[in-house]
């Protein structure tokens, strides 16, 4: 009886050690995957920022990238917006995002209608910011068009007299 109980105890310890080693390997793999994903996301963000900077340097006052993105229902779309202040003095800007009323959709749950800011930008400087559009699970598949308006005043909306630069259109394709 003693011999069987000792073997059982040793087998338990061996199995426990194997489990701890496998857990450590799993944690190491997860950390490796997460750090790789972070590096990839940083590279994409740097690429988008460089492309937006290129657009702003070529004379655009407002630019957005990417102009189109594919998401799943219940997912979100991240865009980067760039503003170049060419007004001659430091200025505060607001960013207004709303679904284009002419895109054929009318989903009231889309978390889209918002104004962000103010963002203070020095004269002849550029400012970059992320914009996230969250699509509800109930959203039917299709292409949603969003208008991005940058304004210099507190009253920021499409057609505002405070609008700065061109109206930007971004497209979210929902699968």
N, C-alpha and C. Protein backbone atom coordinates (compact mmCIF):
# COMPACT_ATOMS: atom_id res chain seq x y z
N UNK A 1 0.82 -1.19 0.00
CA UNK A 1 0.00 0.00 0.00
C UNK A 1 0.86 1.25 0.00
N UNK A 2 1.92 1.26 0.77
CA UNK A 2 2.77 2.44 0.84
C UNK A 2 3.43 2.71 -0.52
N UNK A 3 3.84 1.65 -1.19
CA UNK A 3 4.52 1.80 -2.48
C UNK A 3 3.57 2.44 -3.51
N UNK A 4 2.32 2.01 -3.55
CA UNK A 4 1.34 2.56 -4.48
C UNK A 4 1.06 4.03 -4.19
N UNK A 5 0.97 4.38 -2.93
CA UNK A 5 0.70 5.78 -2.59
C UNK A 5 1.89 6.66 -2.92
N UNK A 6 3.10 6.16 -2.76
CA UNK A 6 4.29 6.95 -3.11
C UNK A 6 4.35 7.15 -4.62
N UNK A 7 4.05 6.10 -5.40
CA UNK A 7 4.04 6.22 -6.86
C UNK A 7 2.98 7.22 -7.31
N UNK A 8 1.82 7.18 -6.68
CA UNK A 8 0.75 8.11 -7.01
C UNK A 8 1.18 9.55 -6.72
N UNK A 9 1.85 9.76 -5.59
CA UNK A 9 2.34 11.09 -5.23
C UNK A 9 3.40 11.58 -6.20
N UNK A 10 4.30 10.69 -6.61
CA UNK A 10 5.35 11.06 -7.57
C UNK A 10 4.74 11.36 -8.93
N UNK A 11 3.78 10.54 -9.36
CA UNK A 11 3.10 10.79 -10.65
C UNK A 11 2.39 12.14 -10.62
N UNK A 12 1.76 12.45 -9.52
CA UNK A 12 1.07 13.74 -9.39
C UNK A 12 2.05 14.90 -9.50
N UNK A 13 3.19 14.79 -8.85
CA UNK A 13 4.21 15.86 -8.90
C UNK A 13 4.75 16.00 -10.33
N UNK A 14 5.00 14.87 -11.01
CA UNK A 14 5.49 14.91 -12.39
C UNK A 14 4.47 15.59 -13.29
N UNK A 15 3.22 15.22 -13.16
CA UNK A 15 2.16 15.84 -13.97
C UNK A 15 2.05 17.32 -13.65
N UNK A 16 2.16 17.69 -12.40
CA UNK A 16 2.10 19.09 -12.00
C UNK A 16 3.25 19.90 -12.62
N UNK A 17 4.46 19.33 -12.60
CA UNK A 17 5.61 20.01 -13.20
C UNK A 17 5.41 20.18 -14.71
N UNK A 18 4.91 19.14 -15.38
CA UNK A 18 4.65 19.23 -16.82
C UNK A 18 3.61 20.32 -17.10
N UNK A 19 2.57 20.40 -16.30
CA UNK A 19 1.53 21.43 -16.47
C UNK A 19 2.11 22.83 -16.30
N UNK A 20 2.95 23.01 -15.30
CA UNK A 20 3.55 24.33 -15.07
C UNK A 20 4.45 24.72 -16.24
N UNK A 21 5.22 23.76 -16.76
CA UNK A 21 6.09 24.04 -17.92
C UNK A 21 5.24 24.41 -19.13
N UNK A 22 4.17 23.66 -19.38
CA UNK A 22 3.29 23.97 -20.52
C UNK A 22 2.61 25.33 -20.35
N UNK A 23 2.21 25.65 -19.13
CA UNK A 23 1.61 26.95 -18.86
C UNK A 23 2.61 28.07 -19.14
N UNK A 24 3.86 27.88 -18.72
CA UNK A 24 4.90 28.88 -18.99
C UNK A 24 5.14 29.07 -20.47
N UNK A 25 5.16 27.97 -21.22
CA UNK A 25 5.34 28.06 -22.68
C UNK A 25 4.15 28.80 -23.30
N UNK A 26 2.94 28.50 -22.85
CA UNK A 26 1.75 29.18 -23.36
C UNK A 26 1.78 30.67 -23.09
N UNK A 27 2.17 31.05 -21.88
CA UNK A 27 2.26 32.48 -21.53
C UNK A 27 3.31 33.17 -22.40
N UNK A 28 4.45 32.51 -22.59
CA UNK A 28 5.50 33.09 -23.42
C UNK A 28 5.02 33.29 -24.86
N UNK A 29 4.30 32.32 -25.41
CA UNK A 29 3.77 32.45 -26.76
C UNK A 29 2.76 33.60 -26.86
N UNK A 30 1.88 33.73 -25.86
CA UNK A 30 0.90 34.81 -25.87
C UNK A 30 1.57 36.18 -25.82
N UNK A 31 2.59 36.30 -24.96
CA UNK A 31 3.32 37.57 -24.87
C UNK A 31 4.00 37.87 -26.21
N UNK A 32 4.53 36.86 -26.84
CA UNK A 32 5.19 37.03 -28.14
C UNK A 32 4.18 37.47 -29.20
N UNK A 33 3.00 36.85 -29.23
CA UNK A 33 1.97 37.23 -30.19
C UNK A 33 1.49 38.66 -29.95
N UNK A 34 1.28 39.02 -28.70
CA UNK A 34 0.80 40.36 -28.38
C UNK A 34 1.83 41.41 -28.76
N UNK A 35 3.11 41.16 -28.46
CA UNK A 35 4.13 42.14 -28.80
C UNK A 35 4.28 42.26 -30.31
N UNK A 36 4.13 41.16 -31.04
CA UNK A 36 4.18 41.21 -32.50
C UNK A 36 3.01 42.03 -33.05
N UNK A 37 1.83 41.84 -32.49
CA UNK A 37 0.66 42.60 -32.93
C UNK A 37 0.83 44.08 -32.63
N UNK A 38 1.38 44.41 -31.46
CA UNK A 38 1.63 45.82 -31.12
C UNK A 38 2.62 46.45 -32.09
N UNK A 39 3.68 45.73 -32.43
CA UNK A 39 4.66 46.26 -33.39
C UNK A 39 4.02 46.48 -34.74
N UNK A 40 3.19 45.54 -35.19
CA UNK A 40 2.51 45.66 -36.48
C UNK A 40 1.57 46.86 -36.46
N UNK A 41 0.78 47.02 -35.37
CA UNK A 41 -0.14 48.15 -35.27
C UNK A 41 0.62 49.47 -35.26
N UNK A 42 1.76 49.53 -34.57
CA UNK A 42 2.57 50.74 -34.55
C UNK A 42 3.09 51.06 -35.93
N UNK A 43 3.54 50.04 -36.66
CA UNK A 43 4.02 50.26 -38.03
C UNK A 43 2.92 50.78 -38.93
N UNK A 44 1.70 50.23 -38.78
CA UNK A 44 0.57 50.70 -39.58
C UNK A 44 0.24 52.13 -39.22
N UNK A 45 0.21 52.45 -37.93
CA UNK A 45 -0.08 53.82 -37.50
C UNK A 45 0.97 54.79 -38.05
N UNK A 46 2.25 54.39 -38.00
CA UNK A 46 3.30 55.25 -38.54
C UNK A 46 3.15 55.43 -40.05
N UNK A 47 2.77 54.36 -40.74
CA UNK A 47 2.55 54.44 -42.19
C UNK A 47 1.40 55.40 -42.49
N UNK A 48 0.27 55.23 -41.77
CA UNK A 48 -0.88 56.12 -41.97
C UNK A 48 -0.50 57.57 -41.67
N UNK A 49 0.23 57.78 -40.59
CA UNK A 49 0.65 59.14 -40.23
C UNK A 49 1.54 59.74 -41.32
N UNK A 50 2.44 58.93 -41.86
CA UNK A 50 3.32 59.42 -42.93
C UNK A 50 2.51 59.76 -44.18
N UNK A 51 1.51 58.94 -44.50
CA UNK A 51 0.69 59.22 -45.68
C UNK A 51 -0.18 60.46 -45.47
N UNK A 52 -0.73 60.61 -44.27
CA UNK A 52 -1.52 61.81 -43.98
C UNK A 52 -0.62 63.04 -44.04
N UNK A 53 0.57 62.94 -43.48
CA UNK A 53 1.52 64.05 -43.51
C UNK A 53 1.85 64.43 -44.95
N UNK A 54 2.01 63.43 -45.80
CA UNK A 54 2.29 63.68 -47.22
C UNK A 54 1.13 64.44 -47.87
N UNK A 55 -0.12 64.04 -47.54
CA UNK A 55 -1.29 64.75 -48.08
C UNK A 55 -1.36 66.18 -47.56
N UNK A 56 -1.08 66.37 -46.27
CA UNK A 56 -1.12 67.71 -45.70
C UNK A 56 -0.01 68.58 -46.26
N UNK A 57 1.17 68.01 -46.47
CA UNK A 57 2.28 68.77 -47.03
C UNK A 57 2.02 69.18 -48.48
N UNK A 58 1.18 68.42 -49.17
CA UNK A 58 0.88 68.76 -50.57
C UNK A 58 -0.21 69.81 -50.68
N UNK A 59 -0.72 70.32 -49.56
CA UNK A 59 -1.66 71.43 -49.61
C UNK A 59 -3.02 71.16 -49.00
N UNK A 60 -3.33 69.93 -48.67
CA UNK A 60 -4.62 69.63 -48.05
C UNK A 60 -4.65 70.19 -46.62
N UNK A 61 -5.79 70.71 -46.22
CA UNK A 61 -5.94 71.22 -44.86
C UNK A 61 -6.38 70.12 -43.90
N UNK A 62 -7.13 69.14 -44.42
CA UNK A 62 -7.62 68.02 -43.63
C UNK A 62 -7.45 66.76 -44.46
N UNK A 63 -7.00 65.67 -43.83
CA UNK A 63 -6.84 64.39 -44.53
C UNK A 63 -7.23 63.26 -43.59
N UNK A 64 -7.67 62.12 -44.18
CA UNK A 64 -8.05 60.95 -43.40
C UNK A 64 -7.54 59.69 -44.08
N UNK A 65 -7.11 58.73 -43.27
CA UNK A 65 -6.68 57.42 -43.77
C UNK A 65 -7.08 56.35 -42.78
N UNK A 66 -7.38 55.17 -43.19
CA UNK A 66 -7.70 54.80 -44.56
C UNK A 66 -9.05 55.38 -44.93
N UNK A 67 -9.33 55.48 -46.20
CA UNK A 67 -10.61 56.06 -46.61
C UNK A 67 -11.72 55.01 -46.58
N UNK A 68 -11.36 53.74 -46.53
CA UNK A 68 -12.34 52.67 -46.50
C UNK A 68 -11.80 51.53 -45.63
N UNK A 69 -12.70 50.90 -44.88
CA UNK A 69 -12.30 49.78 -44.01
C UNK A 69 -13.45 48.79 -43.93
N UNK A 70 -13.11 47.51 -43.80
CA UNK A 70 -14.11 46.44 -43.67
C UNK A 70 -14.16 46.00 -42.21
N UNK A 71 -15.40 45.91 -41.66
CA UNK A 71 -15.58 45.47 -40.27
C UNK A 71 -16.71 44.45 -40.21
N UNK A 72 -16.72 43.71 -39.13
CA UNK A 72 -17.81 42.77 -38.84
C UNK A 72 -18.90 43.53 -38.09
N UNK A 73 -20.10 42.98 -38.10
CA UNK A 73 -21.19 43.57 -37.29
C UNK A 73 -20.75 43.55 -35.83
N UNK A 74 -20.96 44.63 -35.14
CA UNK A 74 -20.55 44.74 -33.75
C UNK A 74 -19.10 45.16 -33.59
N UNK A 75 -18.38 45.35 -34.69
CA UNK A 75 -16.98 45.74 -34.65
C UNK A 75 -16.83 47.25 -34.71
N UNK A 76 -15.60 47.67 -34.89
CA UNK A 76 -15.33 49.09 -34.97
C UNK A 76 -14.32 49.38 -36.08
N UNK A 77 -14.37 50.60 -36.56
CA UNK A 77 -13.47 51.05 -37.61
C UNK A 77 -12.65 52.21 -37.05
N UNK A 78 -11.34 52.10 -37.15
CA UNK A 78 -10.44 53.16 -36.70
C UNK A 78 -9.85 53.89 -37.89
N UNK A 79 -9.97 55.20 -37.88
CA UNK A 79 -9.41 56.06 -38.91
C UNK A 79 -8.50 57.08 -38.25
N UNK A 80 -7.54 57.58 -39.00
CA UNK A 80 -6.67 58.64 -38.51
C UNK A 80 -6.98 59.91 -39.29
N UNK A 81 -7.13 61.01 -38.57
CA UNK A 81 -7.43 62.31 -39.17
C UNK A 81 -6.24 63.23 -38.93
N UNK A 82 -5.87 63.99 -39.95
CA UNK A 82 -4.80 64.97 -39.82
C UNK A 82 -5.31 66.36 -40.16
N UNK A 83 -4.86 67.35 -39.40
CA UNK A 83 -5.25 68.75 -39.61
C UNK A 83 -3.97 69.57 -39.75
N UNK A 84 -3.93 70.43 -40.75
CA UNK A 84 -2.82 71.35 -40.93
C UNK A 84 -3.35 72.76 -40.71
N UNK A 85 -2.83 73.46 -39.72
CA UNK A 85 -3.29 74.80 -39.40
C UNK A 85 -2.59 75.82 -40.29
N UNK A 86 -3.33 76.41 -41.20
CA UNK A 86 -2.81 77.43 -42.12
C UNK A 86 -3.54 78.76 -41.92
N UNK A 87 -4.02 78.99 -40.71
CA UNK A 87 -4.83 80.19 -40.45
C UNK A 87 -4.04 81.39 -39.98
N UNK A 88 -2.75 81.25 -39.74
CA UNK A 88 -1.93 82.39 -39.34
C UNK A 88 -1.77 82.57 -37.84
N UNK A 89 -2.47 81.77 -37.04
CA UNK A 89 -2.36 81.86 -35.59
C UNK A 89 -2.76 80.51 -34.99
N UNK A 90 -2.42 80.32 -33.72
CA UNK A 90 -2.85 79.09 -33.05
C UNK A 90 -4.37 79.05 -33.04
N UNK A 91 -4.92 77.85 -33.31
CA UNK A 91 -6.36 77.74 -33.45
C UNK A 91 -6.84 76.43 -32.79
N UNK A 92 -8.07 76.46 -32.28
CA UNK A 92 -8.70 75.25 -31.74
C UNK A 92 -9.61 74.67 -32.80
N UNK A 93 -9.54 73.35 -32.97
CA UNK A 93 -10.34 72.65 -33.97
C UNK A 93 -11.20 71.60 -33.29
N UNK A 94 -12.40 71.39 -33.85
CA UNK A 94 -13.30 70.31 -33.44
C UNK A 94 -13.48 69.39 -34.64
N UNK A 95 -13.70 68.10 -34.37
CA UNK A 95 -13.94 67.13 -35.42
C UNK A 95 -15.35 66.56 -35.23
N UNK A 96 -16.17 66.68 -36.27
CA UNK A 96 -17.55 66.21 -36.26
C UNK A 96 -17.66 65.02 -37.21
N UNK A 97 -18.24 63.91 -36.73
CA UNK A 97 -18.43 62.71 -37.55
C UNK A 97 -19.90 62.32 -37.50
N UNK A 98 -20.50 62.12 -38.68
CA UNK A 98 -21.90 61.71 -38.75
C UNK A 98 -22.12 60.89 -40.01
N UNK A 99 -23.08 59.98 -39.94
CA UNK A 99 -23.41 59.18 -41.11
C UNK A 99 -23.99 60.07 -42.19
N UNK A 100 -23.56 59.87 -43.42
CA UNK A 100 -24.08 60.62 -44.56
C UNK A 100 -25.55 60.24 -44.74
N UNK A 101 -26.47 61.21 -44.73
CA UNK A 101 -27.89 60.86 -44.84
C UNK A 101 -28.25 60.27 -46.20
N UNK A 102 -27.40 60.41 -47.18
CA UNK A 102 -27.69 59.91 -48.52
C UNK A 102 -27.12 58.52 -48.79
N UNK A 103 -26.60 57.82 -47.76
CA UNK A 103 -25.98 56.52 -48.01
C UNK A 103 -26.99 55.38 -48.02
N UNK A 104 -28.27 55.66 -47.75
CA UNK A 104 -29.31 54.64 -47.84
C UNK A 104 -29.54 53.86 -46.56
N UNK A 105 -28.78 54.11 -45.53
CA UNK A 105 -28.94 53.42 -44.25
C UNK A 105 -29.44 54.41 -43.22
N UNK A 106 -30.11 53.90 -42.23
CA UNK A 106 -30.52 54.72 -41.11
C UNK A 106 -30.57 53.83 -39.88
N UNK A 107 -29.42 53.54 -39.32
CA UNK A 107 -29.33 52.70 -38.13
C UNK A 107 -29.08 53.61 -36.95
N UNK A 108 -30.09 53.81 -36.09
CA UNK A 108 -29.93 54.78 -35.00
C UNK A 108 -28.91 54.38 -33.94
N UNK A 109 -28.53 53.10 -33.86
CA UNK A 109 -27.62 52.66 -32.81
C UNK A 109 -26.15 52.88 -33.14
N UNK A 110 -25.85 53.34 -34.35
CA UNK A 110 -24.44 53.54 -34.71
C UNK A 110 -23.89 54.65 -33.84
N UNK A 111 -22.81 54.34 -33.12
CA UNK A 111 -22.18 55.34 -32.26
C UNK A 111 -21.30 56.19 -33.16
N UNK A 112 -21.89 57.21 -33.74
CA UNK A 112 -21.22 57.96 -34.78
C UNK A 112 -21.36 59.46 -34.64
N UNK A 113 -22.45 59.89 -34.10
CA UNK A 113 -22.76 61.30 -34.09
C UNK A 113 -22.05 61.95 -32.93
N UNK A 114 -20.89 62.48 -33.17
CA UNK A 114 -20.15 63.07 -32.06
C UNK A 114 -19.23 64.17 -32.56
N UNK A 115 -18.87 65.01 -31.63
CA UNK A 115 -17.90 66.07 -31.89
C UNK A 115 -16.76 65.85 -30.91
N UNK A 116 -15.55 65.80 -31.43
CA UNK A 116 -14.37 65.66 -30.58
C UNK A 116 -13.60 66.97 -30.61
N UNK A 117 -12.97 67.26 -29.51
CA UNK A 117 -12.15 68.46 -29.46
C UNK A 117 -12.50 69.27 -28.24
N UNK A 118 -11.96 70.41 -28.10
CA UNK A 118 -11.12 71.10 -29.09
C UNK A 118 -9.68 70.59 -29.07
N UNK A 119 -9.07 70.64 -30.24
CA UNK A 119 -7.66 70.31 -30.41
C UNK A 119 -6.94 71.60 -30.76
N UNK A 120 -6.03 72.02 -29.93
CA UNK A 120 -5.29 73.25 -30.16
C UNK A 120 -4.09 72.95 -31.05
N UNK A 121 -4.01 73.64 -32.19
CA UNK A 121 -2.94 73.41 -33.16
C UNK A 121 -2.24 74.74 -33.41
N UNK A 122 -0.93 74.74 -33.25
CA UNK A 122 -0.15 75.96 -33.48
C UNK A 122 -0.13 76.31 -34.96
N UNK A 123 0.18 77.55 -35.26
CA UNK A 123 0.24 78.02 -36.63
C UNK A 123 1.28 77.21 -37.43
N UNK A 124 0.91 76.83 -38.64
CA UNK A 124 1.75 76.06 -39.56
C UNK A 124 2.18 74.71 -38.98
N UNK A 125 1.41 74.19 -38.03
CA UNK A 125 1.69 72.87 -37.45
C UNK A 125 0.61 71.89 -37.90
N UNK A 126 0.92 70.61 -37.71
CA UNK A 126 -0.02 69.56 -38.05
C UNK A 126 -0.39 68.78 -36.80
N UNK A 127 -1.63 68.30 -36.78
CA UNK A 127 -2.11 67.54 -35.63
C UNK A 127 -2.79 66.27 -36.16
N UNK A 128 -2.53 65.15 -35.50
CA UNK A 128 -3.09 63.86 -35.91
C UNK A 128 -3.91 63.30 -34.77
N UNK A 129 -5.08 62.70 -35.11
CA UNK A 129 -5.94 62.12 -34.08
C UNK A 129 -6.65 60.89 -34.62
N UNK A 130 -6.94 59.94 -33.75
CA UNK A 130 -7.71 58.77 -34.18
C UNK A 130 -9.21 59.03 -34.06
N UNK A 131 -9.99 58.39 -34.93
CA UNK A 131 -11.44 58.44 -34.88
C UNK A 131 -11.93 57.00 -34.94
N UNK A 132 -12.82 56.63 -34.02
CA UNK A 132 -13.37 55.27 -34.01
C UNK A 132 -14.87 55.33 -34.23
N UNK A 133 -15.35 54.50 -35.15
CA UNK A 133 -16.78 54.36 -35.41
C UNK A 133 -17.16 52.94 -35.01
N UNK A 134 -18.09 52.80 -34.07
CA UNK A 134 -18.53 51.49 -33.59
C UNK A 134 -19.83 51.13 -34.30
N UNK A 135 -19.81 49.96 -34.96
CA UNK A 135 -20.99 49.49 -35.68
C UNK A 135 -21.76 48.53 -34.77
N UNK A 136 -23.08 48.69 -34.67
CA UNK A 136 -23.87 47.79 -33.81
C UNK A 136 -24.02 46.40 -34.45
N UNK A 137 -24.31 45.42 -33.64
CA UNK A 137 -24.53 44.05 -34.15
C UNK A 137 -25.75 43.99 -35.06
N UNK A 138 -26.71 44.85 -34.85
CA UNK A 138 -27.94 44.84 -35.64
C UNK A 138 -27.79 45.54 -36.99
N UNK A 139 -26.64 46.13 -37.25
CA UNK A 139 -26.45 46.87 -38.51
C UNK A 139 -26.47 45.89 -39.68
N UNK A 140 -27.30 46.16 -40.68
CA UNK A 140 -27.30 45.29 -41.86
C UNK A 140 -26.00 45.46 -42.64
N UNK A 141 -25.61 44.41 -43.35
CA UNK A 141 -24.40 44.49 -44.16
C UNK A 141 -24.54 45.55 -45.24
N UNK A 142 -23.43 46.08 -45.67
CA UNK A 142 -23.43 47.11 -46.70
C UNK A 142 -22.36 48.15 -46.43
N UNK A 143 -22.36 49.16 -47.24
CA UNK A 143 -21.38 50.24 -47.12
C UNK A 143 -22.03 51.45 -46.47
N UNK A 144 -21.43 51.91 -45.39
CA UNK A 144 -21.89 53.10 -44.68
C UNK A 144 -20.90 54.22 -44.99
N UNK A 145 -21.44 55.38 -45.31
CA UNK A 145 -20.61 56.53 -45.62
C UNK A 145 -20.73 57.52 -44.47
N UNK A 146 -19.58 57.97 -44.00
CA UNK A 146 -19.55 58.94 -42.90
C UNK A 146 -18.88 60.22 -43.37
N UNK A 147 -19.44 61.34 -42.93
CA UNK A 147 -18.86 62.64 -43.22
C UNK A 147 -18.02 63.08 -42.03
N UNK A 148 -16.82 63.55 -42.31
CA UNK A 148 -15.94 64.09 -41.28
C UNK A 148 -15.74 65.57 -41.59
N UNK A 149 -16.15 66.40 -40.66
CA UNK A 149 -16.04 67.85 -40.82
C UNK A 149 -15.14 68.37 -39.70
N UNK A 150 -14.16 69.17 -40.06
CA UNK A 150 -13.30 69.83 -39.09
C UNK A 150 -13.72 71.29 -39.04
N UNK A 151 -13.94 71.80 -37.82
CA UNK A 151 -14.42 73.18 -37.65
C UNK A 151 -13.50 73.95 -36.71
N UNK A 152 -13.54 75.27 -36.87
CA UNK A 152 -12.76 76.15 -36.01
C UNK A 152 -13.58 76.71 -34.86
N UNK A 153 -14.89 76.55 -34.90
CA UNK A 153 -15.74 77.07 -33.84
C UNK A 153 -16.40 75.95 -33.06
N UNK A 154 -17.16 76.32 -32.04
CA UNK A 154 -17.87 75.35 -31.22
C UNK A 154 -19.06 74.73 -31.96
N UNK A 155 -19.62 75.46 -32.91
CA UNK A 155 -20.78 74.97 -33.66
C UNK A 155 -20.28 74.16 -34.86
N UNK A 156 -20.00 72.89 -34.62
CA UNK A 156 -19.41 72.05 -35.65
C UNK A 156 -20.43 71.05 -36.18
N UNK A 157 -20.79 71.20 -37.45
CA UNK A 157 -21.70 70.28 -38.12
C UNK A 157 -21.51 70.45 -39.62
N UNK A 158 -22.04 69.48 -40.38
CA UNK A 158 -21.93 69.53 -41.84
C UNK A 158 -22.61 70.80 -42.35
N UNK A 159 -21.91 71.55 -43.19
CA UNK A 159 -22.44 72.79 -43.72
C UNK A 159 -22.21 73.99 -42.82
N UNK A 160 -21.50 73.80 -41.74
CA UNK A 160 -21.23 74.88 -40.79
C UNK A 160 -20.37 75.96 -41.45
N UNK A 161 -20.62 77.20 -41.08
CA UNK A 161 -19.80 78.30 -41.59
C UNK A 161 -18.41 78.27 -40.99
N UNK A 162 -18.23 77.48 -39.92
CA UNK A 162 -16.92 77.35 -39.27
C UNK A 162 -16.11 76.19 -39.85
N UNK A 163 -16.62 75.52 -40.89
CA UNK A 163 -15.93 74.36 -41.46
C UNK A 163 -14.56 74.76 -41.97
N UNK A 164 -13.59 73.89 -41.74
CA UNK A 164 -12.21 74.13 -42.14
C UNK A 164 -11.78 73.02 -43.08
N UNK A 165 -11.29 73.39 -44.23
CA UNK A 165 -10.85 72.38 -45.20
C UNK A 165 -12.04 71.73 -45.89
N UNK A 166 -11.74 70.69 -46.65
CA UNK A 166 -12.77 69.98 -47.40
C UNK A 166 -13.50 68.97 -46.53
N UNK A 167 -14.73 68.65 -46.93
CA UNK A 167 -15.49 67.59 -46.31
C UNK A 167 -14.81 66.27 -46.66
N UNK A 168 -14.56 65.44 -45.65
CA UNK A 168 -13.91 64.15 -45.85
C UNK A 168 -14.98 63.07 -45.76
N UNK A 169 -14.96 62.11 -46.67
CA UNK A 169 -15.85 60.97 -46.64
C UNK A 169 -15.04 59.73 -46.30
N UNK A 170 -15.53 58.95 -45.33
CA UNK A 170 -14.91 57.68 -45.01
C UNK A 170 -15.98 56.60 -45.14
N UNK A 171 -15.56 55.43 -45.57
CA UNK A 171 -16.47 54.34 -45.89
C UNK A 171 -16.21 53.15 -44.98
N UNK A 172 -17.29 52.64 -44.39
CA UNK A 172 -17.21 51.46 -43.53
C UNK A 172 -18.06 50.37 -44.20
N UNK A 173 -17.40 49.30 -44.62
CA UNK A 173 -18.09 48.17 -45.23
C UNK A 173 -18.35 47.13 -44.16
N UNK A 174 -19.64 46.87 -43.88
CA UNK A 174 -20.02 45.92 -42.84
C UNK A 174 -20.35 44.59 -43.49
N UNK A 175 -19.71 43.54 -42.98
CA UNK A 175 -19.97 42.18 -43.50
C UNK A 175 -21.11 41.55 -42.75
